[in-house]
Every structure is written in C-alpha cells, then in structure tokens.
Amino acid sequence: MGHAGFRRTMRGVGLGLSALLFVTAAIDHADARSRKRSSHHAAKVSRYNPPAASIVVDANIGKVLEETNADSQRYPASLTKVMTLYLLFESLEGGQIKLTTPLPVSEHAAAQAPSKLALKPGETITVENAIRAIVTKSANDVAVVVAEALGGSEADFGKMMTRKARLLGMTRTTYVNASGLPNDGQITTARDQATLGRAIQERFPKYYKYFQTRSFAYRGHAIRNHNKLLGRLEGVDGIKTGYTHDSGFNLLTSVHRDGRYLVAAVFGGRTGNSRDAHMRDLITKYIRFASKERAAPKSDAVAQMKTEPAKQEPTPMHTASAPVPIPVVAPAQLQPETTMKGSTEPIKPNAVKTVKVKAGNMPALSAGLDSGGKMLPPGKPVNVTVVTTKTETPPPPARPGLLGTLPVNVPKVPAAALEAQNSVPEAAKRTGDYLIQVGAFDDEIEARNRLQTARSKAGEALDQADPFTEKVAKGDKTLYRARFAGFDRKQAEAACKSLRRGEIPCMLLKN
C-alpha cells in the first residue's frame, strides 16, 4: 500500500472513531437525561405522601379482618362515582329511566376536567353508555350528565348522594359533586366506602355486573378499565379506582373466591402500582381467613361492619368547609343490629280515609315523583291516604342504615306537598278487611320508599293493594308506619309470605 492509500485508510479510521465517539456521547447524554428524569420522578414520589387508610371486610358475615385508620376522613376522589351509579341503578330499578334513555349533555357537564369522554353541549349519551363510561374511564363529564338528569343540578344531586349515604349507615361521608373532582367538603372513610361497596352489589346484582367491564368501545375508540386487578387477581369482580393529588391513589375492590367474599378499600397510595400491590397483598393475606358461609342476613352483616376502630389516627382530616357535619360514632352505636327496624313494632287498627287524585296533583307520593323529586306528568288516579295520629308507649330504639331496610329511592319532597296530603277531604272507605305493615321509620320518606321496595319484592301480591303511611306519636318521638290496605285475609297472608321471602318484614291486622 502506498503512502496515499495509507493516509486514506487512516482518515477513514479516524472518521469512524469520531462517529463512534459522537454516538457514544449522545447515548451517554440521553442515558444521563433518562437517569436524571427517573431520579427526579423517584424523588418526587418519595416526597409525595398522601394520608393512607385501609379496611378488609369478610362480607359473608360482616367481620372486619383488617383496618388501619378506617374511620379517618379521606377524600374519595373517583370512588365518589360508586354512589353516583348507586342512585342511577335505583332509577333504573324504579322504572324512571331505561338503559336506552338518552341523557342530555349541558355546558357544565362538558366543561369538566379530564378524565372525560369529551362530550359536547347539546349531545346525548344513553344510560347504558353512561354506566360503561363511568365504570371504565371514570368519565367526569358523564358523571355530571347523570347528576343533572337525576337531580336537576349537580349541587342538588350531591345532597341526594349524602342523604343516601346516611341511609346506608355511611355516617362520615359527605358528597358535594358527582365526579369526585377536588372539593374540601367531599369526604369519606375507608369503612364507609366498604359499606357502599357491599350495598351496591347486594342491592343491585343485575347492574353491579357492569363493574366487571374490562373495556368499552365508544365512537370507534376502545376504552380500558382503570382497575388493573380485573382479570389479573383471582376472584376480583370490581369495583372502582380513584385519584386526586390530595387523596392519593384509592381503590375499592370486591372479591368472590371459593365461596369467600371480601370487600376491601385502600386509600392514599403513592402510585397506582403501589396501591394495586397493597390491595393484592391484603387480599392474598386475608382471603384464607374469610368464611365460606353467610352466617347472617345481609342487613345484619352490613351492621356488623361498624365496629370500634382498631388503629385510629388521633387527628382527622381538616374539613371545616364540609356542608354537613360528620358526627363521631360512639362504640355503643356500632354494635350489630339483630332485628329489622319496625319488625317488632305492634300494629293496632286506625281509622283510614282515602281520596282519588291525579298523580300530577299529589307530589308527595313516590309514584308521582321522578328520582330527583320532580313531579311526573298527570296520569291515572292513585290512592292518597290520610290516617289518624295515636300516642303509644315508645318502642326500644332502632338504628338506621341496615341493608335490609334500604329504600328504592329518596326523592326530595316539598314541604307543601306533605301538607297537601294531610288536608285531603274524606272519601269512600277502602275495600277489604285487612291491612299489612311493612315497617315503621323515623322519616316519612323512608316509609314511602319502603312501600315502593315492598312492591318491587312482592310483585303481583301487591299490585291491587293501596299503599299509605301512618304518622304515630310515641312519647316525644314520631314514627311513620308503611302499610298496604285492601286485602281479604287470604290475600294479606299471601302478600306477607311473598314479602318475607324478599327479607321484608310483614305484619297483618284486621281493619
């Protein structure tokens, strides 16, 4: 090789080495940036420490297997949408809406922050698509669409959600919006969310199955469920994830495995993966201690979840702006309920007066209201009842919140409507010599909803019966009896038999 060839060869080697050094330096630089980003992310995660809480419940018997800060107040984030869906399922079951009903999208709904479906004002979305979008994508715009459809406004729907929480025994939960987007007044606890997790699937087994949706196709796009334990951990069948910066990563989970049934809640995960890992560890550890047999009725099992806290933080989260005060529940109030409310309250005949009116003229009747308490259009005549008030010896105290006494819905009833019911003129007496009673309650709305629940449980046995409530003074306390009239003895006995099969207490008396 001549000198010229040697020089060309060396120049080629030099250029190659230069290129190699440049590429190596670039890779090193990129790797350094990647390490820097990873280090920054790790440092950020290490500084992020949202308040934690957890609970694991053996839902077959209502026994708490593990709890850490289970009664300390936390922000629910998107776990809020479980209650949004609870009220939507009630409206479906009550017949106010159907899965195919189109729900309108307002400007307020469309303006919600992500996660969302990016709906436009003036569009509609069917009830079924709304359910799937909330379950999978946790769509905030869709949650507000539901709230406005059922409650008239999101603020009023928040009040409906809070009232329902109280009826379920969720004494430390307050809702102010339907999505779970940050709000200082929206608070809950791990125990309350476990109560809701049990209630929604035991109350609505038909609709609860939507929580098992792995993916959802909408307008040509596949949307996967945020709950990554679905299909990856044996027995997990739902139900909801949640995250905001102040809440951390939350998860409410239900597990059915080999006859065992757990409901668990985890709050305050630093990442989604750490939250999922914590939940997986809790389920794996405690599933073997769960009972394979249901040892108590559903109503009693939910009551038994209210036990004295095992590990409680000394200071709860600051919630000065919460619109509804959250009382501290004394241990004596958290004991299992052994009888259904109203089931032992004696029945004595009272004089009964009825009148025929149009449903649209009588907003106090559940049959004349939609799920938000608004009047439905006038329809066929319905029976309205006025009864006399009696004074009797107060019965032993009963506590609300049992799953077996949950109403179908809790409409917002105007005070004027209640007064109208008490001013109905006398009309013809009811036909039939027998009445039945299905419960007695502190609140008239609860009594009315028990009537609706009883109708849904008994089917044809109550189709021709006349529902009414009876106000009774007992010492310094007022109760509202939920009753049906218009039976002969055989019909009344058959109705009670149907109701008891549906875990509704029923007592019979002669009118």
Protein backbone atom coordinates (compact mmCIF):
# COMPACT_ATOMS: atom_id res chain seq x y z
CA MET A 1 0.00 0.00 0.00
CA GLY A 2 1.37 3.43 -0.95
CA HIS A 3 1.51 6.46 1.28
CA ALA A 4 -1.63 7.93 -0.29
CA GLY A 5 -3.62 4.75 0.34
CA PHE A 6 -2.37 4.54 3.91
CA ARG A 7 -3.39 8.12 4.57
CA ARG A 8 -6.87 7.46 3.15
CA THR A 9 -7.25 4.39 5.33
CA MET A 10 -6.19 6.24 8.46
CA ARG A 11 -8.56 9.09 7.64
CA GLY A 12 -11.41 6.56 7.36
CA VAL A 13 -10.49 5.02 10.70
CA GLY A 14 -10.34 8.46 12.27
CA LEU A 15 -13.75 9.42 10.91
CA GLY A 16 -15.19 6.12 12.11
CA LEU A 17 -13.75 6.62 15.59
CA SER A 18 -15.12 10.16 15.65
CA ALA A 19 -18.57 8.94 14.67
CA LEU A 20 -18.43 6.20 17.27
CA LEU A 21 -17.37 8.64 19.96
CA PHE A 22 -20.18 11.01 18.93
CA VAL A 23 -22.81 8.28 19.04
CA THR A 24 -21.45 7.02 22.36
CA ALA A 25 -21.53 10.51 23.80
CA ALA A 26 -25.08 11.01 22.53
CA ILE A 27 -26.19 7.74 24.09
CA ASP A 28 -24.46 8.61 27.33
CA HIS A 29 -26.11 12.03 27.30
CA ALA A 30 -29.55 10.56 26.62
CA ASP A 31 -28.99 7.94 29.28
CA ALA A 32 -27.93 10.63 31.72
CA ARG A 33 -31.08 12.62 30.94
CA SER A 34 -33.19 9.48 31.39
CA ARG A 35 -31.48 8.74 34.72
CA LYS A 36 -31.99 12.34 35.73
CA ARG A 37 -35.70 12.16 34.88
CA SER A 38 -36.05 8.84 36.71
CA SER A 39 -34.19 10.24 39.68
CA HIS A 40 -36.37 13.34 39.65
CA HIS A 41 -39.52 11.18 39.44
CA ALA A 42 -38.30 8.93 42.25
CA ALA A 43 -37.52 11.95 44.39
CA LYS A 44 -40.94 13.41 43.63
CA VAL A 45 -42.65 10.13 44.55
CA SER A 46 -40.58 9.84 47.73
CA ARG A 47 -41.76 13.30 48.81
CA TYR A 48 -45.41 12.51 47.93
CA ASN A 49 -47.08 11.04 50.99
CA PRO A 50 -50.91 11.23 50.91
CA PRO A 51 -52.72 10.01 54.06
CA ALA A 52 -53.31 6.26 53.97
CA ALA A 53 -56.19 4.11 55.21
CA SER A 54 -57.46 0.60 54.57
CA ILE A 55 -60.07 -1.95 55.56
CA VAL A 56 -60.78 -5.58 54.64
CA VAL A 57 -64.24 -6.99 55.39
CA ASP A 58 -65.42 -10.59 55.31
CA ALA A 59 -68.67 -9.68 53.60
CA ASN A 60 -70.28 -13.08 54.19
CA ILE A 61 -70.53 -12.35 57.91
CA GLY A 62 -69.67 -8.65 58.14
CA LYS A 63 -66.47 -9.23 60.10
CA VAL A 64 -63.61 -6.73 59.78
CA LEU A 65 -60.39 -8.67 59.12
CA GLU A 66 -58.06 -5.67 58.85
CA GLU A 67 -58.40 -1.93 59.42
CA THR A 68 -55.93 0.94 59.51
CA ASN A 69 -57.32 4.44 60.01
CA ALA A 70 -60.62 3.04 58.71
CA ASP A 71 -62.66 5.87 60.28
CA SER A 72 -60.30 8.73 59.50
CA GLN A 73 -61.65 11.16 56.95
CA ARG A 74 -60.25 10.95 53.44
CA TYR A 75 -61.04 12.44 50.04
CA PRO A 76 -62.88 9.83 47.94
CA ALA A 77 -61.74 11.06 44.50
CA SER A 78 -63.44 8.93 41.82
CA LEU A 79 -64.75 6.41 44.36
CA THR A 80 -67.48 9.07 44.50
CA LYS A 81 -68.85 7.66 41.25
CA VAL A 82 -69.90 4.45 43.03
CA MET A 83 -72.59 6.46 44.79
CA THR A 84 -73.44 8.25 41.53
CA LEU A 85 -74.07 4.85 39.97
CA TYR A 86 -75.97 3.64 43.06
CA LEU A 87 -78.57 6.37 42.51
CA LEU A 88 -78.62 5.69 38.77
CA PHE A 89 -79.26 1.98 39.43
CA GLU A 90 -82.12 2.96 41.74
CA SER A 91 -83.74 4.97 38.97
CA LEU A 92 -83.35 2.04 36.58
CA GLU A 93 -84.87 -0.39 39.04
CA GLY A 94 -87.69 2.03 39.86
CA GLY A 95 -88.57 2.44 36.18
CA GLN A 96 -87.93 6.19 35.98
CA ILE A 97 -85.38 5.59 33.21
CA LYS A 98 -84.26 2.77 30.92
CA LEU A 99 -80.84 1.70 29.68
CA THR A 100 -81.74 3.23 26.31
CA THR A 101 -82.84 6.59 27.75
CA PRO A 102 -80.79 9.45 26.20
CA LEU A 103 -79.28 11.83 28.76
CA PRO A 104 -78.58 15.42 27.62
CA VAL A 105 -75.13 17.00 27.93
CA SER A 106 -75.03 20.52 29.39
CA GLU A 107 -72.27 23.10 29.11
CA HIS A 108 -71.45 22.49 32.77
CA ALA A 109 -71.06 18.75 32.18
CA ALA A 110 -68.98 19.22 29.03
CA ALA A 111 -66.65 21.63 30.87
CA GLN A 112 -65.49 19.07 33.45
CA ALA A 113 -61.80 18.30 33.76
CA PRO A 114 -60.36 15.00 32.48
CA SER A 115 -60.73 12.11 32.73
CA LYS A 116 -63.69 12.56 30.36
CA LEU A 117 -65.34 11.40 27.14
CA ALA A 118 -65.09 14.92 25.70
CA LEU A 119 -68.84 15.19 25.20
CA LYS A 120 -70.18 18.36 23.58
CA PRO A 121 -73.04 20.54 24.88
CA GLY A 122 -76.31 19.53 23.23
CA GLU A 123 -75.25 15.92 22.66
CA THR A 124 -76.85 12.97 24.40
CA ILE A 125 -75.49 9.72 25.80
CA THR A 126 -77.59 6.67 26.64
CA VAL A 127 -77.85 5.47 30.22
CA GLU A 128 -76.02 2.22 29.40
CA ASN A 129 -73.13 4.01 27.70
CA ALA A 130 -73.00 6.40 30.66
CA ILE A 131 -72.64 3.46 33.06
CA ARG A 132 -69.86 1.89 30.99
CA ALA A 133 -68.02 5.20 30.61
CA ILE A 134 -68.09 5.81 34.36
CA VAL A 135 -67.02 2.27 35.24
CA THR A 136 -64.12 2.10 32.76
CA LYS A 137 -62.83 5.59 32.01
CA SER A 138 -64.18 7.22 35.18
CA ALA A 139 -65.52 9.98 32.94
CA ASN A 140 -66.18 13.16 34.92
CA ASP A 141 -68.34 14.75 32.24
CA VAL A 142 -70.58 11.69 32.15
CA ALA A 143 -70.93 11.66 35.95
CA VAL A 144 -72.25 15.23 35.80
CA VAL A 145 -74.65 14.30 32.97
CA VAL A 146 -76.12 11.63 35.27
CA ALA A 147 -76.27 14.04 38.21
CA GLU A 148 -78.17 16.68 36.24
CA ALA A 149 -80.56 14.11 34.77
CA LEU A 150 -81.48 12.68 38.18
CA GLY A 151 -81.10 15.68 40.46
CA GLY A 152 -81.77 18.70 38.25
CA SER A 153 -78.37 20.15 39.17
CA GLU A 154 -75.09 18.70 40.37
CA ALA A 155 -75.41 20.54 43.69
CA ASP A 156 -78.85 19.06 44.38
CA PHE A 157 -77.63 15.64 43.30
CA GLY A 158 -74.80 15.94 45.83
CA LYS A 159 -77.42 16.41 48.55
CA MET A 160 -79.26 13.32 47.29
CA MET A 161 -75.99 11.37 47.46
CA THR A 162 -75.36 12.49 51.04
CA ARG A 163 -78.90 11.57 52.12
CA LYS A 164 -78.45 8.13 50.59
CA ALA A 165 -75.09 7.74 52.35
CA ARG A 166 -76.77 8.42 55.70
CA LEU A 167 -79.48 5.84 54.98
CA LEU A 168 -76.80 3.27 54.20
CA GLY A 169 -75.07 3.99 57.51
CA MET A 170 -72.19 5.98 55.97
CA THR A 171 -72.08 8.44 58.86
CA ARG A 172 -68.75 10.08 57.97
CA THR A 173 -69.35 10.70 54.27
CA THR A 174 -70.46 13.94 52.59
CA TYR A 175 -70.84 14.45 48.85
CA VAL A 176 -70.95 17.80 47.05
CA ASN A 177 -70.29 16.68 43.47
CA ALA A 178 -70.93 13.60 41.35
CA SER A 179 -67.42 13.03 39.99
CA GLY A 180 -65.00 13.24 42.91
CA LEU A 181 -63.06 16.16 41.47
CA PRO A 182 -61.27 18.05 44.27
CA ASN A 183 -63.51 19.74 46.84
CA ASP A 184 -62.64 20.21 50.52
CA GLY A 185 -66.22 19.40 51.53
CA GLN A 186 -66.28 15.99 49.84
CA ILE A 187 -65.08 13.48 52.41
CA THR A 188 -65.46 9.82 53.33
CA THR A 189 -63.74 6.95 55.18
CA ALA A 190 -62.46 3.52 54.23
CA ARG A 191 -65.20 1.92 56.35
CA ASP A 192 -67.93 3.94 54.67
CA GLN A 193 -66.67 3.01 51.22
CA ALA A 194 -66.59 -0.68 52.16
CA THR A 195 -70.20 -0.31 53.31
CA LEU A 196 -71.10 1.19 49.94
CA GLY A 197 -69.14 -1.47 48.08
CA ARG A 198 -71.23 -4.16 49.75
CA ALA A 199 -74.51 -2.33 49.44
CA ILE A 200 -74.36 -1.62 45.71
CA GLN A 201 -73.70 -5.21 44.69
CA GLU A 202 -76.13 -6.79 47.14
CA ARG A 203 -78.82 -4.23 46.31
CA PHE A 204 -78.34 -4.27 42.52
CA PRO A 205 -76.80 -7.61 41.45
CA LYS A 206 -78.19 -7.16 37.92
CA TYR A 207 -76.48 -3.80 37.38
CA TYR A 208 -73.42 -4.43 39.52
CA LYS A 209 -72.12 -6.68 36.74
CA TYR A 210 -71.19 -3.54 34.78
CA PHE A 211 -68.26 -3.10 37.18
CA GLN A 212 -66.71 -6.21 35.60
CA THR A 213 -66.41 -4.44 32.21
CA ARG A 214 -62.80 -4.81 31.03
CA SER A 215 -63.09 -2.50 28.01
CA PHE A 216 -65.70 -0.28 26.39
CA ALA A 217 -65.98 0.79 22.73
CA TYR A 218 -67.31 4.31 22.18
CA ARG A 219 -67.32 6.11 18.84
CA GLY A 220 -64.70 3.79 17.44
CA HIS A 221 -62.33 4.03 20.41
CA ALA A 222 -61.61 1.22 22.86
CA ILE A 223 -61.55 2.38 26.47
CA ARG A 224 -59.92 0.08 29.03
CA ASN A 225 -60.92 -0.17 32.67
CA HIS A 226 -58.62 1.67 35.07
CA ASN A 227 -58.96 -1.20 37.57
CA LYS A 228 -55.91 -3.29 36.67
CA LEU A 229 -56.72 -6.05 39.16
CA LEU A 230 -59.66 -7.17 37.00
CA GLY A 231 -58.61 -10.36 35.26
CA ARG A 232 -55.23 -10.36 37.00
CA LEU A 233 -56.16 -11.35 40.53
CA GLU A 234 -58.40 -14.36 41.01
CA GLY A 235 -61.94 -13.51 42.08
CA VAL A 236 -61.79 -9.72 41.66
CA ASP A 237 -65.09 -8.56 40.11
CA GLY A 238 -64.84 -4.74 40.55
CA ILE A 239 -65.35 -2.10 41.60
CA LYS A 240 -63.61 1.37 41.31
CA THR A 241 -60.32 3.25 41.30
CA GLY A 242 -59.75 6.89 42.20
CA TYR A 243 -57.04 9.53 42.27
CA THR A 244 -56.54 13.19 43.07
CA HIS A 245 -53.34 14.72 44.40
CA ASP A 246 -54.74 15.20 47.90
CA SER A 247 -56.38 11.78 48.10
CA GLY A 248 -53.60 9.72 46.61
CA PHE A 249 -54.41 6.55 44.67
CA ASN A 250 -57.55 4.87 46.03
CA LEU A 251 -59.15 1.53 45.27
CA LEU A 252 -62.39 -0.18 46.31
CA THR A 253 -62.39 -3.88 45.48
CA SER A 254 -64.73 -6.86 45.70
CA VAL A 255 -63.51 -10.47 45.61
CA HIS A 256 -65.51 -13.70 45.30
CA ARG A 257 -63.32 -16.79 45.52
CA ASP A 258 -64.24 -20.37 46.51
CA GLY A 259 -67.34 -19.22 48.37
CA ARG A 260 -65.44 -16.49 50.20
CA TYR A 261 -66.43 -12.86 49.74
CA LEU A 262 -64.24 -9.87 50.61
CA VAL A 263 -64.81 -6.15 50.19
CA ALA A 264 -61.69 -4.02 50.71
CA ALA A 265 -60.74 -0.35 50.41
CA VAL A 266 -57.28 1.21 50.16
CA PHE A 267 -56.66 4.96 50.35
CA GLY A 268 -53.55 7.08 49.88
CA GLY A 269 -51.38 5.05 47.52
CA ARG A 270 -48.30 6.97 46.32
CA THR A 271 -48.62 5.43 42.84
CA GLY A 272 -51.20 3.34 41.06
CA ASN A 273 -48.87 0.35 41.10
CA SER A 274 -48.12 0.64 44.82
CA ARG A 275 -51.84 0.93 45.57
CA ASP A 276 -52.59 -2.18 43.49
CA ALA A 277 -49.74 -4.07 45.16
CA HIS A 278 -51.05 -3.14 48.61
CA MET A 279 -54.55 -4.31 47.71
CA ARG A 280 -53.18 -7.54 46.25
CA ASP A 281 -51.21 -8.20 49.44
CA LEU A 282 -54.26 -7.56 51.66
CA ILE A 283 -56.49 -9.87 49.64
CA THR A 284 -53.86 -12.60 49.46
CA LYS A 285 -53.24 -12.39 53.20
CA TYR A 286 -56.84 -12.29 54.44
CA ILE A 287 -58.88 -14.29 51.91
CA ARG A 288 -57.97 -17.54 53.68
CA PHE A 289 -59.48 -16.25 56.92
CA ALA A 290 -62.84 -15.41 55.31
CA SER A 291 -65.91 -17.54 55.92
CA LYS A 292 -67.35 -19.68 53.14
CA GLU A 293 -70.84 -19.47 54.59
CA ARG A 294 -73.08 -16.46 55.04
CA ALA A 295 -73.75 -16.51 58.77
CA ALA A 296 -76.18 -13.58 58.96
CA PRO A 297 -78.81 -11.87 56.79
CA LYS A 298 -77.50 -9.13 54.54
CA SER A 299 -78.99 -6.47 56.78
CA ASP A 300 -77.18 -7.73 59.86
CA ALA A 301 -73.92 -8.33 58.01
CA VAL A 302 -73.67 -4.68 56.97
CA ALA A 303 -74.42 -3.54 60.50
CA GLN A 304 -71.61 -5.72 61.83
CA MET A 305 -69.08 -3.82 59.75
CA LYS A 306 -69.48 -0.91 62.15
CA THR A 307 -67.02 -1.97 64.80
CA GLU A 308 -64.88 0.03 67.16
CA PRO A 309 -61.77 1.26 65.28
CA ALA A 310 -58.66 -0.83 65.80
CA LYS A 311 -55.97 1.62 64.66
CA GLN A 312 -57.17 5.21 64.52
CA GLU A 313 -55.31 8.40 63.75
CA PRO A 314 -55.51 10.90 66.63
CA THR A 315 -56.48 13.82 64.41
CA PRO A 316 -58.91 13.58 61.46
CA MET A 317 -58.50 15.49 58.23
CA HIS A 318 -59.48 19.15 58.44
CA THR A 319 -62.91 19.58 56.85
CA ALA A 320 -64.06 22.99 58.04
CA SER A 321 -65.80 23.68 54.76
CA ALA A 322 -67.87 20.48 54.75
CA PRO A 323 -71.56 21.43 54.38
CA VAL A 324 -72.80 18.54 56.54
CA PRO A 325 -71.15 17.90 59.94
CA ILE A 326 -69.82 14.37 60.38
CA PRO A 327 -70.54 13.05 63.89
CA VAL A 328 -68.18 10.73 65.71
CA VAL A 329 -69.96 7.42 66.16
CA ALA A 330 -69.72 6.04 69.68
CA PRO A 331 -68.80 2.36 70.03
CA ALA A 332 -72.20 1.65 71.61
CA GLN A 333 -73.82 2.78 68.38
CA LEU A 334 -71.70 0.46 66.29
CA GLN A 335 -72.99 -2.87 67.53
CA PRO A 336 -74.72 -5.36 65.19
CA GLU A 337 -78.43 -4.88 64.67
CA THR A 338 -80.31 -8.09 65.37
CA THR A 339 -83.80 -7.20 64.14
CA MET A 340 -85.12 -5.21 61.24
CA LYS A 341 -86.32 -1.76 62.05
CA GLY A 342 -90.07 -1.77 62.55
CA SER A 343 -90.34 -5.56 62.53
CA THR A 344 -91.42 -5.84 66.18
CA GLU A 345 -93.50 -2.66 66.38
CA PRO A 346 -97.09 -3.68 67.24
CA ILE A 347 -99.96 -2.95 64.89
CA LYS A 348 -103.30 -1.59 66.06
CA PRO A 349 -106.10 -0.59 63.70
CA ASN A 350 -106.66 3.08 62.92
CA ALA A 351 -109.40 4.83 61.02
CA VAL A 352 -108.49 5.27 57.36
CA LYS A 353 -109.67 7.88 54.85
CA THR A 354 -108.88 7.89 51.12
CA VAL A 355 -109.45 10.00 48.06
CA LYS A 356 -108.75 9.65 44.33
CA VAL A 357 -106.48 12.31 42.85
CA LYS A 358 -104.31 12.70 39.75
CA ALA A 359 -100.63 11.81 40.31
CA GLY A 360 -99.55 15.18 38.99
CA ASN A 361 -101.56 16.92 41.70
CA MET A 362 -100.02 14.94 44.52
CA PRO A 363 -96.21 15.38 44.54
CA ALA A 364 -95.84 13.84 47.98
CA LEU A 365 -96.49 10.36 46.60
CA SER A 366 -93.45 8.42 45.42
CA ALA A 367 -95.47 7.28 42.39
CA GLY A 368 -95.84 10.91 41.28
CA LEU A 369 -92.15 11.83 41.55
CA ASP A 370 -89.10 11.19 39.48
CA SER A 371 -85.82 10.25 41.17
CA GLY A 372 -84.95 13.91 41.71
CA GLY A 373 -88.23 14.73 43.45
CA LYS A 374 -89.78 16.41 40.40
CA MET A 375 -93.41 15.84 39.51
CA LEU A 376 -94.22 13.47 36.68
CA PRO A 377 -96.93 14.38 34.14
CA PRO A 378 -100.55 13.76 35.27
CA GLY A 379 -101.57 10.16 34.87
CA LYS A 380 -104.09 7.65 36.11
CA PRO A 381 -105.68 8.14 39.54
CA VAL A 382 -103.75 6.93 42.55
CA ASN A 383 -104.86 6.46 46.12
CA VAL A 384 -103.90 9.05 48.70
CA THR A 385 -104.42 8.23 52.36
CA VAL A 386 -104.92 10.28 55.49
CA VAL A 387 -104.80 8.46 58.82
CA THR A 388 -105.36 9.49 62.42
CA THR A 389 -102.46 10.00 64.81
CA LYS A 390 -102.18 7.97 68.00
CA THR A 391 -99.97 8.16 71.07
CA GLU A 392 -98.37 4.95 72.35
CA THR A 393 -95.50 3.86 74.59
CA PRO A 394 -92.15 4.36 72.82
CA PRO A 395 -90.61 1.11 71.49
CA PRO A 396 -86.95 0.17 72.05
CA PRO A 397 -84.65 2.40 69.95
CA ALA A 398 -83.79 1.19 66.44
CA ARG A 399 -80.90 2.29 64.28
CA PRO A 400 -80.95 3.11 60.55
CA GLY A 401 -78.52 2.00 57.90
CA LEU A 402 -79.32 -1.72 57.60
CA LEU A 403 -79.04 -3.07 54.11
CA GLY A 404 -82.31 -4.92 54.52
CA THR A 405 -84.21 -1.70 55.04
CA LEU A 406 -82.73 0.34 52.19
CA PRO A 407 -85.34 2.28 50.20
CA VAL A 408 -85.55 2.19 46.42
CA ASN A 409 -85.01 5.93 46.19
CA VAL A 410 -85.13 9.02 48.33
CA PRO A 411 -86.97 11.75 46.44
CA LYS A 412 -86.79 15.34 47.57
CA VAL A 413 -90.34 16.08 48.73
CA PRO A 414 -91.52 19.70 49.06
CA ALA A 415 -92.98 20.61 52.44
CA ALA A 416 -96.10 21.94 50.74
CA ALA A 417 -96.69 18.53 49.21
CA LEU A 418 -96.63 16.85 52.60
CA GLU A 419 -99.11 19.40 53.92
CA ALA A 420 -101.36 18.73 50.93
CA GLN A 421 -101.53 15.05 51.81
CA ASN A 422 -102.72 15.88 55.32
CA SER A 423 -105.52 18.10 54.03
CA VAL A 424 -107.23 15.61 51.67
CA PRO A 425 -111.04 15.50 52.19
CA GLU A 426 -112.72 12.31 53.33
CA ALA A 427 -113.73 9.83 50.62
CA ALA A 428 -115.04 6.27 50.35
CA LYS A 429 -113.60 3.59 52.69
CA ARG A 430 -111.14 1.03 51.38
CA THR A 431 -112.40 -2.30 50.25
CA GLY A 432 -111.07 -5.37 52.07
CA ASP A 433 -110.96 -6.12 55.79
CA TYR A 434 -107.19 -6.48 56.28
CA LEU A 435 -104.09 -4.30 56.31
CA ILE A 436 -100.42 -5.25 56.34
CA GLN A 437 -97.49 -3.28 57.75
CA VAL A 438 -94.00 -3.50 56.26
CA GLY A 439 -92.06 -1.27 58.65
CA ALA A 440 -92.01 1.85 60.84
CA PHE A 441 -89.48 4.65 60.35
CA ASP A 442 -88.28 7.94 61.80
CA ASP A 443 -88.62 9.63 58.42
CA GLU A 444 -91.70 9.68 56.16
CA ILE A 445 -89.57 9.46 53.03
CA GLU A 446 -88.09 6.20 54.28
CA ALA A 447 -91.60 4.86 54.92
CA ARG A 448 -92.73 5.78 51.41
CA ASN A 449 -89.71 4.17 49.86
CA ARG A 450 -90.24 1.02 51.92
CA LEU A 451 -93.66 0.83 50.26
CA GLN A 452 -92.01 1.04 46.85
CA THR A 453 -89.37 -1.53 47.83
CA ALA A 454 -92.09 -3.88 49.09
CA ARG A 455 -93.96 -3.55 45.79
CA SER A 456 -90.83 -4.46 43.84
CA LYS A 457 -90.23 -7.52 46.07
CA ALA A 458 -93.80 -8.85 46.24
CA GLY A 459 -94.78 -8.48 42.59
CA GLU A 460 -98.41 -9.35 41.84
CA ALA A 461 -99.26 -9.84 45.51
CA LEU A 462 -99.36 -6.04 45.98
CA ASP A 463 -100.50 -4.93 42.52
CA GLN A 464 -104.04 -4.13 43.66
CA ALA A 465 -103.18 -3.01 47.20
CA ASP A 466 -103.36 0.61 48.36
CA PRO A 467 -100.10 1.94 49.93
CA PHE A 468 -100.19 4.57 52.66
CA THR A 469 -98.16 5.92 55.56
CA GLU A 470 -99.43 6.46 59.08
CA LYS A 471 -97.95 9.06 61.40
CA VAL A 472 -97.77 7.89 65.01
CA ALA A 473 -96.57 9.85 68.05
CA LYS A 474 -94.71 7.75 70.62
CA GLY A 475 -93.82 9.90 73.58
CA ASP A 476 -91.64 12.69 72.20
CA LYS A 477 -90.84 10.69 69.07
CA THR A 478 -92.72 10.45 65.76
CA LEU A 479 -92.80 7.29 63.64
CA TYR A 480 -94.18 6.69 60.17
CA ARG A 481 -95.70 3.27 59.51
CA ALA A 482 -95.57 1.89 55.99
CA ARG A 483 -98.76 -0.03 55.21
CA PHE A 484 -100.89 -1.54 52.45
CA ALA A 485 -104.69 -1.87 52.59
CA GLY A 486 -107.42 -3.50 50.54
CA PHE A 487 -106.92 -7.23 51.30
CA ASP A 488 -109.08 -10.09 52.40
CA ARG A 489 -107.33 -12.38 54.86
CA LYS A 490 -106.10 -14.87 52.26
CA GLN A 491 -104.65 -12.08 50.10
CA ALA A 492 -102.96 -10.45 53.09
CA GLU A 493 -101.36 -13.73 54.18
CA ALA A 494 -100.12 -14.39 50.64
CA ALA A 495 -98.64 -10.87 50.40
CA CYS A 496 -96.80 -11.29 53.72
CA LYS A 497 -95.42 -14.62 52.58
CA SER A 498 -94.02 -13.05 49.39
CA LEU A 499 -92.54 -10.13 51.31
CA ARG A 500 -90.80 -12.31 53.89
CA ARG A 501 -89.15 -14.29 51.10
CA GLY A 502 -87.71 -10.96 49.98
CA GLU A 503 -86.48 -10.19 53.54
CA ILE A 504 -89.17 -7.52 54.05
CA PRO A 505 -90.88 -7.70 57.50
CA CYS A 506 -94.66 -8.01 57.26
CA MET A 507 -97.40 -7.97 59.89
CA LEU A 508 -101.12 -8.42 59.37
CA LEU A 509 -104.12 -6.83 61.09
CA LYS A 510 -107.83 -6.58 60.56
CA ASN A 511 -109.10 -3.14 59.59
